[in-house]
Amino acid sequence: MSLPPCPSCNSEYVYQDQALLICPECGYEWNPEEAAEQDTVTVKDVNGTTLEAGDKVTFIKDLKVKGSSQVLKIGTKAQIRRIVDGKDHELDCKIAGGGEMMITAKFVKKA
């Protein structure tokens, strides 16, 4: 039986004690069932609606594009291609007439 490596130190010497997995090198203990549930990223728009890949969104304010003189106007539509766990941009979107860009979820609402 193959056990996953330790999420704390990435050690492969992990053993199971009842429902928990334990790393003997760093002493980290975790429940693999809870860890699988925490891997999913949930992102919410400005209204608190949960966003998923494939959803269509619209901008709630004008946004300047970094490194360009282009401005994305309020009401511009985009489609979410994927959701990432980024520090500053969570949505990888395809924008109508603008190509592909990373957008922060707090500047969009679900269409």
Protein backbone atom coordinates (compact mmCIF):
# COMPACT_ATOMS: atom_id res chain seq x y z
CA MET A 1 0.00 0.00 0.00
CA SER A 2 1.41 3.35 -1.04
CA LEU A 3 0.92 6.33 1.24
CA PRO A 4 1.20 9.95 0.10
CA PRO A 5 4.30 11.94 1.09
CA CYS A 6 4.22 14.30 4.06
CA PRO A 7 2.67 17.68 3.09
CA SER A 8 4.94 19.46 5.56
CA CYS A 9 8.43 18.14 4.71
CA ASN A 10 7.69 15.94 1.65
CA SER A 11 9.16 12.86 3.35
CA GLU A 12 8.25 9.47 1.92
CA TYR A 13 8.59 7.67 5.28
CA VAL A 14 4.97 8.04 6.38
CA TYR A 15 3.03 5.55 8.46
CA GLN A 16 -0.62 5.18 9.38
CA ASP A 17 -1.99 5.24 12.95
CA GLN A 18 -5.74 4.55 12.84
CA ALA A 19 -7.28 7.41 10.74
CA LEU A 20 -4.19 9.65 10.81
CA LEU A 21 -1.01 9.60 8.77
CA ILE A 22 2.17 10.49 10.68
CA CYS A 23 5.57 11.64 9.45
CA PRO A 24 8.40 10.34 11.67
CA GLU A 25 10.87 12.93 10.38
CA CYS A 26 8.99 16.15 11.23
CA GLY A 27 6.22 14.81 13.49
CA TYR A 28 3.40 16.19 11.33
CA GLU A 29 0.02 14.40 11.68
CA TRP A 30 -2.89 14.74 9.24
CA ASN A 31 -6.08 13.07 8.14
CA PRO A 32 -5.81 12.20 4.41
CA GLU A 33 -9.60 12.49 3.90
CA GLU A 34 -9.66 16.07 5.25
CA ALA A 35 -6.57 17.00 3.23
CA ALA A 36 -8.29 15.91 0.01
CA GLU A 37 -11.26 18.16 0.79
CA GLN A 38 -9.00 21.17 1.46
CA ASP A 39 -7.27 20.92 -1.94
CA THR A 40 -10.25 22.37 -3.78
CA VAL A 41 -10.06 26.13 -4.27
CA THR A 42 -13.26 28.13 -3.86
CA VAL A 43 -13.43 31.64 -5.27
CA LYS A 44 -16.30 34.08 -4.79
CA ASP A 45 -17.24 37.12 -6.84
CA VAL A 46 -18.08 40.56 -5.47
CA ASN A 47 -21.62 39.44 -4.55
CA GLY A 48 -20.46 36.28 -2.74
CA THR A 49 -21.49 33.86 -5.51
CA THR A 50 -19.15 30.89 -5.90
CA LEU A 51 -17.35 30.88 -9.26
CA GLU A 52 -16.39 27.77 -11.21
CA ALA A 53 -14.47 27.09 -14.42
CA GLY A 54 -16.70 27.77 -17.44
CA ASP A 55 -18.76 30.51 -15.79
CA LYS A 56 -19.30 33.81 -17.58
CA VAL A 57 -18.49 36.98 -15.63
CA THR A 58 -18.66 40.74 -16.19
CA PHE A 59 -16.38 43.46 -14.80
CA ILE A 60 -17.82 45.76 -12.14
CA LYS A 61 -15.32 48.58 -12.71
CA ASP A 62 -12.79 49.81 -15.28
CA LEU A 63 -9.48 47.96 -14.98
CA LYS A 64 -6.11 49.07 -16.35
CA VAL A 65 -4.01 46.35 -17.93
CA LYS A 66 -0.49 46.26 -16.47
CA GLY A 67 2.24 47.07 -18.97
CA SER A 68 -0.22 48.41 -21.51
CA SER A 69 -2.34 51.47 -22.18
CA GLN A 70 -5.41 49.24 -22.62
CA VAL A 71 -8.37 49.63 -20.24
CA LEU A 72 -11.00 46.95 -19.70
CA LYS A 73 -14.31 48.80 -19.39
CA ILE A 74 -17.09 48.13 -16.92
CA GLY A 75 -19.49 45.49 -18.25
CA THR A 76 -16.84 43.69 -20.33
CA LYS A 77 -17.67 39.98 -20.50
CA ALA A 78 -15.22 37.17 -19.88
CA GLN A 79 -15.32 33.41 -19.51
CA ILE A 80 -13.40 31.65 -16.74
CA ARG A 81 -11.07 29.03 -18.18
CA ARG A 82 -9.64 27.85 -14.85
CA ILE A 83 -9.38 28.87 -11.22
CA VAL A 84 -5.95 28.99 -9.61
CA ASP A 85 -4.78 29.51 -6.05
CA GLY A 86 -2.87 32.72 -6.72
CA LYS A 87 -1.89 35.42 -4.28
CA ASP A 88 -3.15 38.29 -6.40
CA HIS A 89 -5.09 36.83 -9.36
CA GLU A 90 -7.42 33.85 -9.01
CA LEU A 91 -9.18 33.66 -12.39
CA ASP A 92 -7.63 32.71 -15.72
CA CYS A 93 -10.15 34.24 -18.15
CA LYS A 94 -10.72 34.62 -21.87
CA ILE A 95 -11.94 38.16 -22.43
CA ALA A 96 -14.14 39.08 -25.39
CA GLY A 97 -11.94 41.22 -27.64
CA GLY A 98 -9.00 41.20 -25.19
CA GLY A 99 -7.44 37.76 -25.28
CA GLU A 100 -6.52 35.78 -22.16
CA MET A 101 -5.74 37.45 -18.83
CA MET A 102 -5.55 36.72 -15.12
CA ILE A 103 -8.21 38.62 -13.15
CA THR A 104 -8.85 39.15 -9.44
CA ALA A 105 -12.24 37.77 -8.37
CA LYS A 106 -13.24 40.87 -6.39
CA PHE A 107 -13.57 42.87 -9.64
CA VAL A 108 -16.10 40.58 -11.36
CA LYS A 109 -19.67 39.38 -10.91
CA LYS A 110 -21.27 36.25 -12.30
CA ALA A 111 -23.28 36.96 -15.47
